């Protein structure tokens, strides 16, 4: 055999070995890990708990949260504007409940989408309920999965029906 053929065979063998020896990504396990972070996020919202929130959010000035109330950019803004000014000061009680949850993992990124129902009591004691849709983008870090982006919106207004 000439040198070129031997080199090609060694290269092909190395590629096959790396491919065969590589540990496949366990998407079911990764989806489970993302779901656990999603569940902690829901708990952090329901308790308006900034300390718990810090375990699910990427600690970065690059994170962005988009809501009907505005855009919050960076972890400092998420803490202050979303958790303290909105959740803690705006509500006496909060219950964010997801349904129709879908989680997809692609390497070190993941996203979750779900419908939500939010039943609460406003700071003035009045009951308040809303429904909508939410999506999260997660980034896998050395500390596990973290939310890097969140977007939520209320459901569109339904047209009035004629009698």
C-alpha atoms as a PDB file:
ATOM      1  CA  UNK A   1       0.000   0.000   0.000  1.00  0.00           C
ATOM      2  CA  UNK A   2       1.229   3.433  -0.735  1.00  0.00           C
ATOM      3  CA  UNK A   3       1.577   6.121   1.936  1.00  0.00           C
ATOM      4  CA  UNK A   4      -1.482   8.071   0.770  1.00  0.00           C
ATOM      5  CA  UNK A   5      -3.783   5.060   1.081  1.00  0.00           C
ATOM      6  CA  UNK A   6      -2.381   4.193   4.532  1.00  0.00           C
ATOM      7  CA  UNK A   7      -2.847   7.798   5.679  1.00  0.00           C
ATOM      8  CA  UNK A   8      -6.424   7.806   4.387  1.00  0.00           C
ATOM      9  CA  UNK A   9      -7.191   4.513   6.153  1.00  0.00           C
ATOM     10  CA  UNK A  10      -5.757   5.825   9.438  1.00  0.00           C
ATOM     11  CA  UNK A  11      -7.829   8.992   9.080  1.00  0.00           C
ATOM     12  CA  UNK A  12     -11.038   7.042   8.332  1.00  0.00           C
ATOM     13  CA  UNK A  13     -10.374   4.716  11.287  1.00  0.00           C
ATOM     14  CA  UNK A  14      -9.819   7.706  13.598  1.00  0.00           C
ATOM     15  CA  UNK A  15     -13.053   9.365  12.461  1.00  0.00           C
ATOM     16  CA  UNK A  16     -15.008   6.138  12.921  1.00  0.00           C
ATOM     17  CA  UNK A  17     -13.510   5.633  16.393  1.00  0.00           C
ATOM     18  CA  UNK A  18     -14.317   9.181  17.492  1.00  0.00           C
ATOM     19  CA  UNK A  19     -17.851   8.845  16.121  1.00  0.00           C
ATOM     20  CA  UNK A  20     -18.404   5.447  17.732  1.00  0.00           C
ATOM     21  CA  UNK A  21     -16.805   6.439  21.038  1.00  0.00           C
ATOM     22  CA  UNK A  22     -18.548   9.793  21.376  1.00  0.00           C
ATOM     23  CA  UNK A  23     -21.213   9.815  24.056  1.00  0.00           C
ATOM     24  CA  UNK A  24     -24.524  10.730  22.453  1.00  0.00           C
ATOM     25  CA  UNK A  25     -26.423  13.654  23.894  1.00  0.00           C
ATOM     26  CA  UNK A  26     -29.211  12.413  26.148  1.00  0.00           C
ATOM     27  CA  UNK A  27     -31.936  14.825  25.099  1.00  0.00           C
ATOM     28  CA  UNK A  28     -34.412  13.283  27.543  1.00  0.00           C
ATOM     29  CA  UNK A  29     -32.057  14.008  30.454  1.00  0.00           C
ATOM     30  CA  UNK A  30     -31.315  17.515  29.167  1.00  0.00           C
ATOM     31  CA  UNK A  31     -35.054  18.209  28.751  1.00  0.00           C
ATOM     32  CA  UNK A  32     -35.604  16.993  32.312  1.00  0.00           C
ATOM     33  CA  UNK A  33     -32.879  19.352  33.567  1.00  0.00           C
ATOM     34  CA  UNK A  34     -34.423  22.288  31.690  1.00  0.00           C
ATOM     35  CA  UNK A  35     -37.854  21.370  33.090  1.00  0.00           C
ATOM     36  CA  UNK A  36     -36.395  21.477  36.617  1.00  0.00           C
ATOM     37  CA  UNK A  37     -35.077  24.996  35.941  1.00  0.00           C
ATOM     38  CA  UNK A  38     -38.478  25.983  34.517  1.00  0.00           C
ATOM     39  CA  UNK A  39     -40.162  24.667  37.673  1.00  0.00           C
ATOM     40  CA  UNK A  40     -37.740  26.666  39.872  1.00  0.00           C
ATOM     41  CA  UNK A  41     -38.467  29.742  37.746  1.00  0.00           C
ATOM     42  CA  UNK A  42     -42.221  29.275  38.353  1.00  0.00           C
ATOM     43  CA  UNK A  43     -41.564  28.920  42.093  1.00  0.00           C
ATOM     44  CA  UNK A  44     -39.425  32.072  42.051  1.00  0.00           C
ATOM     45  CA  UNK A  45     -42.244  34.013  40.386  1.00  0.00           C
ATOM     46  CA  UNK A  46     -44.897  32.643  42.732  1.00  0.00           C
ATOM     47  CA  UNK A  47     -42.786  33.590  45.759  1.00  0.00           C
ATOM     48  CA  UNK A  48     -41.350  36.757  44.135  1.00  0.00           C
ATOM     49  CA  UNK A  49     -38.048  35.406  45.453  1.00  0.00           C
ATOM     50  CA  UNK A  50     -34.960  37.127  44.018  1.00  0.00           C
ATOM     51  CA  UNK A  51     -32.589  34.657  45.709  1.00  0.00           C
ATOM     52  CA  UNK A  52     -34.345  31.704  44.077  1.00  0.00           C
ATOM     53  CA  UNK A  53     -34.494  33.618  40.795  1.00  0.00           C
ATOM     54  CA  UNK A  54     -30.707  34.011  40.873  1.00  0.00           C
ATOM     55  CA  UNK A  55     -30.410  30.215  40.576  1.00  0.00           C
ATOM     56  CA  UNK A  56     -32.331  30.083  37.295  1.00  0.00           C
ATOM     57  CA  UNK A  57     -31.266  33.230  35.450  1.00  0.00           C
ATOM     58  CA  UNK A  58     -28.008  33.740  33.596  1.00  0.00           C
ATOM     59  CA  UNK A  59     -26.088  36.326  35.613  1.00  0.00           C
ATOM     60  CA  UNK A  60     -25.357  38.531  32.648  1.00  0.00           C
ATOM     61  CA  UNK A  61     -26.001  42.032  31.326  1.00  0.00           C
ATOM     62  CA  UNK A  62     -26.965  40.299  28.053  1.00  0.00           C
ATOM     63  CA  UNK A  63     -30.201  38.664  29.229  1.00  0.00           C
ATOM     64  CA  UNK A  64     -33.410  40.196  27.930  1.00  0.00           C
ATOM     65  CA  UNK A  65     -36.973  39.867  29.194  1.00  0.00           C
ATOM     66  CA  UNK A  66     -39.757  41.138  26.940  1.00  0.00           C
ATOM     67  CA  UNK A  67     -43.195  41.698  28.479  1.00  0.00           C
ATOM     68  CA  UNK A  68     -46.227  43.872  27.795  1.00  0.00           C
ATOM     69  CA  UNK A  69     -44.877  46.097  30.613  1.00  0.00           C
ATOM     70  CA  UNK A  70     -41.586  46.697  28.844  1.00  0.00           C
ATOM     71  CA  UNK A  71     -38.171  45.295  28.113  1.00  0.00           C
ATOM     72  CA  UNK A  72     -35.815  44.433  30.971  1.00  0.00           C
ATOM     73  CA  UNK A  73     -32.179  44.082  29.952  1.00  0.00           C
ATOM     74  CA  UNK A  74     -29.542  42.531  32.193  1.00  0.00           C
ATOM     75  CA  UNK A  75     -29.763  40.603  35.434  1.00  0.00           C
ATOM     76  CA  UNK A  76     -29.815  43.800  37.547  1.00  0.00           C
ATOM     77  CA  UNK A  77     -32.940  45.011  35.738  1.00  0.00           C
ATOM     78  CA  UNK A  78     -34.636  41.607  35.971  1.00  0.00           C
ATOM     79  CA  UNK A  79     -34.065  41.571  39.742  1.00  0.00           C
ATOM     80  CA  UNK A  80     -35.163  45.143  40.322  1.00  0.00           C
ATOM     81  CA  UNK A  81     -37.887  45.698  37.747  1.00  0.00           C
ATOM     82  CA  UNK A  82     -39.433  42.257  37.310  1.00  0.00           C
ATOM     83  CA  UNK A  83     -39.045  40.638  40.727  1.00  0.00           C
ATOM     84  CA  UNK A  84     -39.050  43.598  43.133  1.00  0.00           C
ATOM     85  CA  UNK A  85     -41.024  46.407  41.468  1.00  0.00           C
ATOM     86  CA  UNK A  86     -43.520  44.219  39.613  1.00  0.00           C
ATOM     87  CA  UNK A  87     -43.926  40.919  41.486  1.00  0.00           C
ATOM     88  CA  UNK A  88     -43.152  41.960  45.083  1.00  0.00           C
ATOM     89  CA  UNK A  89     -44.685  45.432  45.084  1.00  0.00           C
ATOM     90  CA  UNK A  90     -47.531  44.785  42.658  1.00  0.00           C
ATOM     91  CA  UNK A  91     -49.047  41.633  44.164  1.00  0.00           C
ATOM     92  CA  UNK A  92     -49.879  40.206  47.560  1.00  0.00           C
ATOM     93  CA  UNK A  93     -50.283  36.691  46.134  1.00  0.00           C
ATOM     94  CA  UNK A  94     -49.126  35.111  42.885  1.00  0.00           C
ATOM     95  CA  UNK A  95     -49.845  31.766  41.210  1.00  0.00           C
ATOM     96  CA  UNK A  96     -48.291  31.269  37.773  1.00  0.00           C
ATOM     97  CA  UNK A  97     -49.399  27.909  36.364  1.00  0.00           C
ATOM     98  CA  UNK A  98     -48.079  26.499  33.069  1.00  0.00           C
ATOM     99  CA  UNK A  99     -49.805  24.190  30.607  1.00  0.00           C
ATOM    100  CA  UNK A 100     -48.980  22.785  27.196  1.00  0.00           C
ATOM    101  CA  UNK A 101     -45.232  22.869  28.022  1.00  0.00           C
ATOM    102  CA  UNK A 102     -42.839  22.000  25.193  1.00  0.00           C
ATOM    103  CA  UNK A 103     -39.075  21.822  25.697  1.00  0.00           C
ATOM    104  CA  UNK A 104     -36.478  21.382  22.961  1.00  0.00           C
ATOM    105  CA  UNK A 105     -32.734  20.944  23.473  1.00  0.00           C
ATOM    106  CA  UNK A 106     -30.075  21.556  20.838  1.00  0.00           C
ATOM    107  CA  UNK A 107     -26.566  21.136  22.242  1.00  0.00           C
ATOM    108  CA  UNK A 108     -25.861  23.869  24.803  1.00  0.00           C
ATOM    109  CA  UNK A 109     -29.062  25.745  23.981  1.00  0.00           C
ATOM    110  CA  UNK A 110     -32.652  24.933  24.789  1.00  0.00           C
ATOM    111  CA  UNK A 111     -36.026  26.585  24.616  1.00  0.00           C
ATOM    112  CA  UNK A 112     -39.322  26.083  26.319  1.00  0.00           C
ATOM    113  CA  UNK A 113     -42.735  27.361  25.313  1.00  0.00           C
ATOM    114  CA  UNK A 114     -45.915  27.127  27.328  1.00  0.00           C
ATOM    115  CA  UNK A 115     -49.309  28.637  27.975  1.00  0.00           C
ATOM    116  CA  UNK A 116     -49.846  30.183  31.384  1.00  0.00           C
ATOM    117  CA  UNK A 117     -52.541  31.220  33.776  1.00  0.00           C
ATOM    118  CA  UNK A 118     -51.727  33.824  36.412  1.00  0.00           C
ATOM    119  CA  UNK A 119     -54.129  34.151  39.331  1.00  0.00           C
ATOM    120  CA  UNK A 120     -53.164  36.680  41.920  1.00  0.00           C
ATOM    121  CA  UNK A 121     -54.177  39.333  44.358  1.00  0.00           C
ATOM    122  CA  UNK A 122     -53.083  42.875  43.545  1.00  0.00           C
ATOM    123  CA  UNK A 123     -51.350  45.032  46.158  1.00  0.00           C
ATOM    124  CA  UNK A 124     -54.729  46.709  46.836  1.00  0.00           C
ATOM    125  CA  UNK A 125     -56.306  43.313  47.613  1.00  0.00           C
ATOM    126  CA  UNK A 126     -58.295  42.986  44.381  1.00  0.00           C
ATOM    127  CA  UNK A 127     -58.182  39.618  42.630  1.00  0.00           C
ATOM    128  CA  UNK A 128     -56.503  39.566  39.221  1.00  0.00           C
ATOM    129  CA  UNK A 129     -56.324  36.832  36.585  1.00  0.00           C
ATOM    130  CA  UNK A 130     -54.581  36.758  33.220  1.00  0.00           C
ATOM    131  CA  UNK A 131     -53.627  34.167  30.620  1.00  0.00           C
ATOM    132  CA  UNK A 132     -50.961  34.139  27.976  1.00  0.00           C
ATOM    133  CA  UNK A 133     -48.019  32.487  26.319  1.00  0.00           C
ATOM    134  CA  UNK A 134     -44.366  32.431  27.308  1.00  0.00           C
ATOM    135  CA  UNK A 135     -41.115  31.315  25.760  1.00  0.00           C
ATOM    136  CA  UNK A 136     -37.689  30.925  27.337  1.00  0.00           C
ATOM    137  CA  UNK A 137     -34.239  30.438  25.837  1.00  0.00           C
ATOM    138  CA  UNK A 138     -31.809  28.537  28.046  1.00  0.00           C
ATOM    139  CA  UNK A 139     -28.027  28.377  27.945  1.00  0.00           C
ATOM    140  CA  UNK A 140     -26.055  25.487  29.403  1.00  0.00           C
ATOM    141  CA  UNK A 141     -23.368  26.806  31.755  1.00  0.00           C
ATOM    142  CA  UNK A 142     -20.846  25.200  34.098  1.00  0.00           C
ATOM    143  CA  UNK A 143     -23.516  25.652  36.803  1.00  0.00           C
ATOM    144  CA  UNK A 144     -26.293  24.030  34.757  1.00  0.00           C
ATOM    145  CA  UNK A 145     -29.043  25.425  32.559  1.00  0.00           C
ATOM    146  CA  UNK A 146     -29.925  29.112  32.959  1.00  0.00           C
ATOM    147  CA  UNK A 147     -32.563  31.367  31.401  1.00  0.00           C
ATOM    148  CA  UNK A 148     -30.920  33.767  28.945  1.00  0.00           C
ATOM    149  CA  UNK A 149     -34.079  35.196  27.362  1.00  0.00           C
ATOM    150  CA  UNK A 150     -37.773  35.300  28.213  1.00  0.00           C
ATOM    151  CA  UNK A 151     -40.697  36.630  26.238  1.00  0.00           C
ATOM    152  CA  UNK A 152     -44.304  36.635  27.330  1.00  0.00           C
ATOM    153  CA  UNK A 153     -47.527  38.071  26.067  1.00  0.00           C
ATOM    154  CA  UNK A 154     -51.156  38.005  27.045  1.00  0.00           C
ATOM    155  CA  UNK A 155     -53.684  36.287  24.841  1.00  0.00           C
ATOM    156  CA  UNK A 156     -55.108  38.452  22.065  1.00  0.00           C
ATOM    157  CA  UNK A 157     -58.491  40.031  22.738  1.00  0.00           C
ATOM    158  CA  UNK A 158     -61.348  37.952  21.374  1.00  0.00           C
ATOM    159  CA  UNK A 159     -63.720  39.753  18.991  1.00  0.00           C
ATOM    160  CA  UNK A 160     -67.116  40.506  20.485  1.00  0.00           C
ATOM    161  CA  UNK A 161     -69.823  38.114  19.294  1.00  0.00           C
ATOM    162  CA  UNK A 162     -73.134  39.448  18.044  1.00  0.00           C
ATOM    163  CA  UNK A 163     -76.236  38.418  19.972  1.00  0.00           C
END
